[in-house]
PDB file of N, CA and C in Angstrom:
ATOM      1  N   UNK A   1     -37.363 -56.934  71.104  1.00  0.00           N
ATOM      2  CA  UNK A   1     -37.291 -55.977  72.197  1.00  0.00           C
ATOM      3  C   UNK A   1     -36.165 -54.979  71.953  1.00  0.00           C
ATOM      4  N   UNK A   2     -34.989 -55.451  71.555  1.00  0.00           N
ATOM      5  CA  UNK A   2     -33.860 -54.553  71.318  1.00  0.00           C
ATOM      6  C   UNK A   2     -34.111 -53.646  70.124  1.00  0.00           C
ATOM      7  N   UNK A   3     -34.815 -54.161  69.112  1.00  0.00           N
ATOM      8  CA  UNK A   3     -35.124 -53.337  67.950  1.00  0.00           C
ATOM      9  C   UNK A   3     -35.995 -52.157  68.348  1.00  0.00           C
ATOM     10  N   UNK A   4     -36.925 -52.385  69.276  1.00  0.00           N
ATOM     11  CA  UNK A   4     -37.785 -51.300  69.734  1.00  0.00           C
ATOM     12  C   UNK A   4     -36.985 -50.216  70.432  1.00  0.00           C
ATOM     13  N   UNK A   5     -36.042 -50.600  71.277  1.00  0.00           N
ATOM     14  CA  UNK A   5     -35.252 -49.605  71.989  1.00  0.00           C
ATOM     15  C   UNK A   5     -34.301 -48.885  71.037  1.00  0.00           C
ATOM     16  N   UNK A   6     -33.760 -49.600  70.056  1.00  0.00           N
ATOM     17  CA  UNK A   6     -32.894 -48.964  69.066  1.00  0.00           C
ATOM     18  C   UNK A   6     -33.699 -47.984  68.231  1.00  0.00           C
ATOM     19  N   UNK A   7     -34.893 -48.393  67.796  1.00  0.00           N
ATOM     20  CA  UNK A   7     -35.749 -47.489  67.033  1.00  0.00           C
ATOM     21  C   UNK A   7     -36.116 -46.262  67.846  1.00  0.00           C
ATOM     22  N   UNK A   8     -36.372 -46.454  69.133  1.00  0.00           N
ATOM     23  CA  UNK A   8     -36.695 -45.321  69.998  1.00  0.00           C
ATOM     24  C   UNK A   8     -35.526 -44.354  70.065  1.00  0.00           C
ATOM     25  N   UNK A   9     -34.304 -44.869  70.262  1.00  0.00           N
ATOM     26  CA  UNK A   9     -33.136 -44.010  70.348  1.00  0.00           C
ATOM     27  C   UNK A   9     -32.895 -43.249  69.048  1.00  0.00           C
ATOM     28  N   UNK A  10     -33.044 -43.924  67.936  1.00  0.00           N
ATOM     29  CA  UNK A  10     -32.872 -43.258  66.644  1.00  0.00           C
ATOM     30  C   UNK A  10     -33.917 -42.161  66.493  1.00  0.00           C
ATOM     31  N   UNK A  11     -35.158 -42.468  66.809  1.00  0.00           N
ATOM     32  CA  UNK A  11     -36.225 -41.473  66.730  1.00  0.00           C
ATOM     33  C   UNK A  11     -35.988 -40.299  67.660  1.00  0.00           C
ATOM     34  N   UNK A  12     -35.488 -40.606  68.852  1.00  0.00           N
ATOM     35  CA  UNK A  12     -35.188 -39.552  69.816  1.00  0.00           C
ATOM     36  C   UNK A  12     -34.120 -38.606  69.282  1.00  0.00           C
ATOM     37  N   UNK A  13     -33.050 -39.153  68.731  1.00  0.00           N
ATOM     38  CA  UNK A  13     -31.981 -38.308  68.202  1.00  0.00           C
ATOM     39  C   UNK A  13     -32.451 -37.496  66.998  1.00  0.00           C
ATOM     40  N   UNK A  14     -33.252 -38.099  66.139  1.00  0.00           N
ATOM     41  CA  UNK A  14     -33.777 -37.353  64.998  1.00  0.00           C
ATOM     42  C   UNK A  14     -34.682 -36.227  65.479  1.00  0.00           C
ATOM     43  N   UNK A  15     -35.518 -36.526  66.455  1.00  0.00           N
ATOM     44  CA  UNK A  15     -36.392 -35.500  67.017  1.00  0.00           C
ATOM     45  C   UNK A  15     -35.617 -34.370  67.663  1.00  0.00           C
ATOM     46  N   UNK A  16     -34.570 -34.731  68.398  1.00  0.00           N
ATOM     47  CA  UNK A  16     -33.732 -33.700  69.020  1.00  0.00           C
ATOM     48  C   UNK A  16     -33.065 -32.821  67.966  1.00  0.00           C
ATOM     49  N   UNK A  17     -32.572 -33.457  66.917  1.00  0.00           N
ATOM     50  CA  UNK A  17     -31.911 -32.699  65.853  1.00  0.00           C
ATOM     51  C   UNK A  17     -32.887 -31.754  65.172  1.00  0.00           C
ATOM     52  N   UNK A  18     -34.057 -32.266  64.815  1.00  0.00           N
ATOM     53  CA  UNK A  18     -35.043 -31.433  64.143  1.00  0.00           C
ATOM     54  C   UNK A  18     -35.540 -30.308  65.049  1.00  0.00           C
ATOM     55  N   UNK A  19     -35.747 -30.618  66.305  1.00  0.00           N
ATOM     56  CA  UNK A  19     -36.182 -29.591  67.256  1.00  0.00           C
ATOM     57  C   UNK A  19     -35.135 -28.508  67.445  1.00  0.00           C
ATOM     58  N   UNK A  20     -33.887 -28.927  67.532  1.00  0.00           N
ATOM     59  CA  UNK A  20     -32.798 -27.954  67.676  1.00  0.00           C
ATOM     60  C   UNK A  20     -32.700 -27.056  66.457  1.00  0.00           C
ATOM     61  N   UNK A  21     -32.783 -27.669  65.282  1.00  0.00           N
ATOM     62  CA  UNK A  21     -32.700 -26.880  64.048  1.00  0.00           C
ATOM     63  C   UNK A  21     -33.882 -25.919  63.934  1.00  0.00           C
ATOM     64  N   UNK A  22     -35.070 -26.386  64.275  1.00  0.00           N
ATOM     65  CA  UNK A  22     -36.253 -25.529  64.200  1.00  0.00           C
ATOM     66  C   UNK A  22     -36.120 -24.354  65.164  1.00  0.00           C
ATOM     67  N   UNK A  23     -35.611 -24.616  66.360  1.00  0.00           N
ATOM     68  CA  UNK A  23     -35.429 -23.537  67.338  1.00  0.00           C
ATOM     69  C   UNK A  23     -34.408 -22.528  66.841  1.00  0.00           C
ATOM     70  N   UNK A  24     -33.336 -23.007  66.257  1.00  0.00           N
ATOM     71  CA  UNK A  24     -32.318 -22.098  65.741  1.00  0.00           C
ATOM     72  C   UNK A  24     -32.846 -21.258  64.581  1.00  0.00           C
ATOM     73  N   UNK A  25     -33.597 -21.905  63.701  1.00  0.00           N
ATOM     74  CA  UNK A  25     -34.112 -21.183  62.540  1.00  0.00           C
ATOM     75  C   UNK A  25     -35.204 -20.185  62.920  1.00  0.00           C
ATOM     76  N   UNK A  26     -35.934 -20.449  63.987  1.00  0.00           N
ATOM     77  CA  UNK A  26     -37.008 -19.567  64.415  1.00  0.00           C
ATOM     78  C   UNK A  26     -36.487 -18.376  65.221  1.00  0.00           C
ATOM     79  N   UNK A  27     -35.298 -18.507  65.767  1.00  0.00           N
ATOM     80  CA  UNK A  27     -34.742 -17.440  66.603  1.00  0.00           C
ATOM     81  C   UNK A  27     -34.216 -16.304  65.718  1.00  0.00           C
ATOM     82  N   UNK A  28     -34.492 -15.076  66.114  1.00  0.00           N
ATOM     83  CA  UNK A  28     -33.987 -13.938  65.336  1.00  0.00           C
ATOM     84  C   UNK A  28     -32.491 -13.733  65.594  1.00  0.00           C
ATOM     85  N   UNK A  29     -31.675 -13.969  64.569  1.00  0.00           N
ATOM     86  CA  UNK A  29     -30.234 -13.757  64.700  1.00  0.00           C
ATOM     87  C   UNK A  29     -29.638 -13.577  63.316  1.00  0.00           C
ATOM     88  N   UNK A  30     -28.408 -13.157  63.280  1.00  0.00           N
ATOM     89  CA  UNK A  30     -27.742 -12.933  61.998  1.00  0.00           C
ATOM     90  C   UNK A  30     -27.439 -14.254  61.307  1.00  0.00           C
ATOM     91  N   UNK A  31     -27.232 -14.201  59.990  1.00  0.00           N
ATOM     92  CA  UNK A  31     -26.922 -15.395  59.216  1.00  0.00           C
ATOM     93  C   UNK A  31     -25.634 -16.053  59.667  1.00  0.00           C
ATOM     94  N   UNK A  32     -24.622 -15.246  59.956  1.00  0.00           N
ATOM     95  CA  UNK A  32     -23.330 -15.798  60.389  1.00  0.00           C
ATOM     96  C   UNK A  32     -23.486 -16.553  61.704  1.00  0.00           C
ATOM     97  N   UNK A  33     -24.205 -15.950  62.637  1.00  0.00           N
ATOM     98  CA  UNK A  33     -24.403 -16.594  63.939  1.00  0.00           C
ATOM     99  C   UNK A  33     -25.256 -17.857  63.783  1.00  0.00           C
ATOM    100  N   UNK A  34     -26.272 -17.791  62.941  1.00  0.00           N
ATOM    101  CA  UNK A  34     -27.122 -18.951  62.708  1.00  0.00           C
ATOM    102  C   UNK A  34     -26.309 -20.105  62.136  1.00  0.00           C
ATOM    103  N   UNK A  35     -25.469 -19.834  61.149  1.00  0.00           N
ATOM    104  CA  UNK A  35     -24.633 -20.892  60.567  1.00  0.00           C
ATOM    105  C   UNK A  35     -23.691 -21.473  61.612  1.00  0.00           C
ATOM    106  N   UNK A  36     -23.132 -20.624  62.440  1.00  0.00           N
ATOM    107  CA  UNK A  36     -22.228 -21.098  63.496  1.00  0.00           C
ATOM    108  C   UNK A  36     -22.977 -22.000  64.475  1.00  0.00           C
ATOM    109  N   UNK A  37     -24.171 -21.561  64.879  1.00  0.00           N
ATOM    110  CA  UNK A  37     -24.952 -22.343  65.837  1.00  0.00           C
ATOM    111  C   UNK A  37     -25.418 -23.672  65.244  1.00  0.00           C
ATOM    112  N   UNK A  38     -25.841 -23.655  63.974  1.00  0.00           N
ATOM    113  CA  UNK A  38     -26.257 -24.894  63.317  1.00  0.00           C
ATOM    114  C   UNK A  38     -25.077 -25.850  63.216  1.00  0.00           C
ATOM    115  N   UNK A  39     -23.921 -25.314  62.869  1.00  0.00           N
ATOM    116  CA  UNK A  39     -22.718 -26.148  62.774  1.00  0.00           C
ATOM    117  C   UNK A  39     -22.367 -26.751  64.132  1.00  0.00           C
ATOM    118  N   UNK A  40     -22.427 -25.958  65.169  1.00  0.00           N
ATOM    119  CA  UNK A  40     -22.114 -26.432  66.516  1.00  0.00           C
ATOM    120  C   UNK A  40     -23.090 -27.530  66.945  1.00  0.00           C
ATOM    121  N   UNK A  41     -24.374 -27.313  66.701  1.00  0.00           N
ATOM    122  CA  UNK A  41     -25.373 -28.314  67.074  1.00  0.00           C
ATOM    123  C   UNK A  41     -25.179 -29.602  66.266  1.00  0.00           C
ATOM    124  N   UNK A  42     -24.797 -29.468  65.017  1.00  0.00           N
ATOM    125  CA  UNK A  42     -24.529 -30.646  64.197  1.00  0.00           C
ATOM    126  C   UNK A  42     -23.373 -31.462  64.755  1.00  0.00           C
ATOM    127  N   UNK A  43     -22.315 -30.769  65.183  1.00  0.00           N
ATOM    128  CA  UNK A  43     -21.172 -31.483  65.776  1.00  0.00           C
ATOM    129  C   UNK A  43     -21.565 -32.155  67.083  1.00  0.00           C
ATOM    130  N   UNK A  44     -22.365 -31.474  67.901  1.00  0.00           N
ATOM    131  CA  UNK A  44     -22.828 -32.077  69.158  1.00  0.00           C
ATOM    132  C   UNK A  44     -23.667 -33.318  68.892  1.00  0.00           C
ATOM    133  N   UNK A  45     -24.575 -33.214  67.927  1.00  0.00           N
ATOM    134  CA  UNK A  45     -25.421 -34.352  67.599  1.00  0.00           C
ATOM    135  C   UNK A  45     -24.585 -35.518  67.087  1.00  0.00           C
ATOM    136  N   UNK A  46     -23.619 -35.230  66.237  1.00  0.00           N
ATOM    137  CA  UNK A  46     -22.748 -36.291  65.712  1.00  0.00           C
ATOM    138  C   UNK A  46     -21.979 -36.959  66.850  1.00  0.00           C
ATOM    139  N   UNK A  47     -21.499 -36.174  67.800  1.00  0.00           N
ATOM    140  CA  UNK A  47     -20.758 -36.721  68.935  1.00  0.00           C
ATOM    141  C   UNK A  47     -21.664 -37.597  69.798  1.00  0.00           C
ATOM    142  N   UNK A  48     -22.867 -37.111  70.105  1.00  0.00           N
ATOM    143  CA  UNK A  48     -23.798 -37.895  70.920  1.00  0.00           C
ATOM    144  C   UNK A  48     -24.214 -39.177  70.202  1.00  0.00           C
ATOM    145  N   UNK A  49     -24.439 -39.078  68.904  1.00  0.00           N
ATOM    146  CA  UNK A  49     -24.809 -40.261  68.136  1.00  0.00           C
ATOM    147  C   UNK A  49     -23.687 -41.285  68.147  1.00  0.00           C
ATOM    148  N   UNK A  50     -22.463 -40.810  67.989  1.00  0.00           N
ATOM    149  CA  UNK A  50     -21.306 -41.700  68.012  1.00  0.00           C
ATOM    150  C   UNK A  50     -21.183 -42.401  69.367  1.00  0.00           C
ATOM    151  N   UNK A  51     -21.362 -41.641  70.436  1.00  0.00           N
ATOM    152  CA  UNK A  51     -21.284 -42.238  71.774  1.00  0.00           C
ATOM    153  C   UNK A  51     -22.384 -43.285  71.977  1.00  0.00           C
ATOM    154  N   UNK A  52     -23.592 -42.966  71.542  1.00  0.00           N
ATOM    155  CA  UNK A  52     -24.706 -43.894  71.710  1.00  0.00           C
ATOM    156  C   UNK A  52     -24.488 -45.162  70.898  1.00  0.00           C
ATOM    157  N   UNK A  53     -24.020 -45.020  69.680  1.00  0.00           N
ATOM    158  CA  UNK A  53     -23.753 -46.191  68.852  1.00  0.00           C
ATOM    159  C   UNK A  53     -22.655 -47.055  69.471  1.00  0.00           C
ATOM    160  N   UNK A  54     -21.657 -46.437  70.057  1.00  0.00           N
ATOM    161  CA  UNK A  54     -20.600 -47.188  70.727  1.00  0.00           C
ATOM    162  C   UNK A  54     -21.157 -47.962  71.918  1.00  0.00           C
ATOM    163  N   UNK A  55     -22.047 -47.329  72.680  1.00  0.00           N
ATOM    164  CA  UNK A  55     -22.672 -48.011  73.813  1.00  0.00           C
ATOM    165  C   UNK A  55     -23.508 -49.197  73.335  1.00  0.00           C
ATOM    166  N   UNK A  56     -24.248 -48.998  72.241  1.00  0.00           N
ATOM    167  CA  UNK A  56     -25.072 -50.078  71.708  1.00  0.00           C
ATOM    168  C   UNK A  56     -24.194 -51.233  71.238  1.00  0.00           C
ATOM    169  N   UNK A  57     -23.070 -50.928  70.569  1.00  0.00           N
ATOM    170  CA  UNK A  57     -22.145 -51.975  70.133  1.00  0.00           C
ATOM    171  C   UNK A  57     -21.583 -52.732  71.329  1.00  0.00           C
ATOM    172  N   UNK A  58     -21.195 -52.000  72.381  1.00  0.00           N
ATOM    173  CA  UNK A  58     -20.647 -52.649  73.570  1.00  0.00           C
ATOM    174  C   UNK A  58     -21.676 -53.575  74.219  1.00  0.00           C
ATOM    175  N   UNK A  59     -22.910 -53.097  74.335  1.00  0.00           N
ATOM    176  CA  UNK A  59     -23.956 -53.928  74.936  1.00  0.00           C
ATOM    177  C   UNK A  59     -24.228 -55.149  74.071  1.00  0.00           C
ATOM    178  N   UNK A  60     -24.212 -54.962  72.760  1.00  0.00           N
ATOM    179  CA  UNK A  60     -24.409 -56.090  71.849  1.00  0.00           C
ATOM    180  C   UNK A  60     -23.306 -57.120  71.998  1.00  0.00           C
ATOM    181  N   UNK A  61     -22.069 -56.646  72.131  1.00  0.00           N
ATOM    182  CA  UNK A  61     -20.938 -57.564  72.313  1.00  0.00           C
ATOM    183  C   UNK A  61     -21.068 -58.322  73.632  1.00  0.00           C
ATOM    184  N   UNK A  62     -21.529 -57.629  74.680  1.00  0.00           N
ATOM    185  CA  UNK A  62     -21.733 -58.292  75.971  1.00  0.00           C
ATOM    186  C   UNK A  62     -22.795 -59.385  75.866  1.00  0.00           C
ATOM    187  N   UNK A  63     -23.893 -59.063  75.210  1.00  0.00           N
ATOM    188  CA  UNK A  63     -24.969 -60.042  75.043  1.00  0.00           C
ATOM    189  C   UNK A  63     -24.461 -61.231  74.232  1.00  0.00           C
ATOM    190  N   UNK A  64     -23.695 -60.962  73.185  1.00  0.00           N
ATOM    191  CA  UNK A  64     -23.149 -62.033  72.353  1.00  0.00           C
ATOM    192  C   UNK A  64     -22.255 -62.951  73.175  1.00  0.00           C
ATOM    193  N   UNK A  65     -21.377 -62.368  73.974  1.00  0.00           N
ATOM    194  CA  UNK A  65     -20.468 -63.177  74.802  1.00  0.00           C
ATOM    195  C   UNK A  65     -21.248 -64.008  75.821  1.00  0.00           C
ATOM    196  N   UNK A  66     -22.254 -63.422  76.448  1.00  0.00           N
ATOM    197  CA  UNK A  66     -23.064 -64.176  77.420  1.00  0.00           C
ATOM    198  C   UNK A  66     -23.789 -65.316  76.726  1.00  0.00           C
ATOM    199  N   UNK A  67     -24.302 -65.066  75.526  1.00  0.00           N
ATOM    200  CA  UNK A  67     -24.995 -66.122  74.786  1.00  0.00           C
ATOM    201  C   UNK A  67     -24.026 -67.237  74.411  1.00  0.00           C
ATOM    202  N   UNK A  68     -22.800 -66.891  74.026  1.00  0.00           N
ATOM    203  CA  UNK A  68     -21.797 -67.914  73.696  1.00  0.00           C
ATOM    204  C   UNK A  68     -21.480 -68.776  74.914  1.00  0.00           C
ATOM    205  N   UNK A  69     -21.395 -68.134  76.098  1.00  0.00           N
ATOM    206  CA  UNK A  69     -21.109 -68.883  77.313  1.00  0.00           C
ATOM    207  C   UNK A  69     -22.236 -69.859  77.625  1.00  0.00           C
ATOM    208  N   UNK A  70     -23.473 -69.419  77.447  1.00  0.00           N
ATOM    209  CA  UNK A  70     -24.623 -70.273  77.751  1.00  0.00           C
ATOM    210  C   UNK A  70     -24.710 -71.424  76.750  1.00  0.00           C
ATOM    211  N   UNK A  71     -24.502 -71.121  75.474  1.00  0.00           N
ATOM    212  CA  UNK A  71     -24.628 -72.141  74.433  1.00  0.00           C
ATOM    213  C   UNK A  71     -23.411 -73.060  74.409  1.00  0.00           C
ATOM    214  N   UNK A  72     -22.238 -72.464  74.512  1.00  0.00           N
ATOM    215  CA  UNK A  72     -21.006 -73.251  74.339  1.00  0.00           C
ATOM    216  C   UNK A  72     -20.503 -73.779  75.607  1.00  0.00           C
TER     217      UNK A  72
END
């Protein structure tokens, strides 16, 4: 069950990244502005991915602790 939700989140972030890049590349703008926008979107995606991975780690740690309490 958790693998499915993790796969969904990974797919969602990849889709968001690809969609953002496609929108930026399709928009008529100068090369300098395009590079700036792509760079900005890359930093945003990296930040969101980092936050999501941290949340997943925290939830995993919580589940691990609850399982230890039940077993031990």
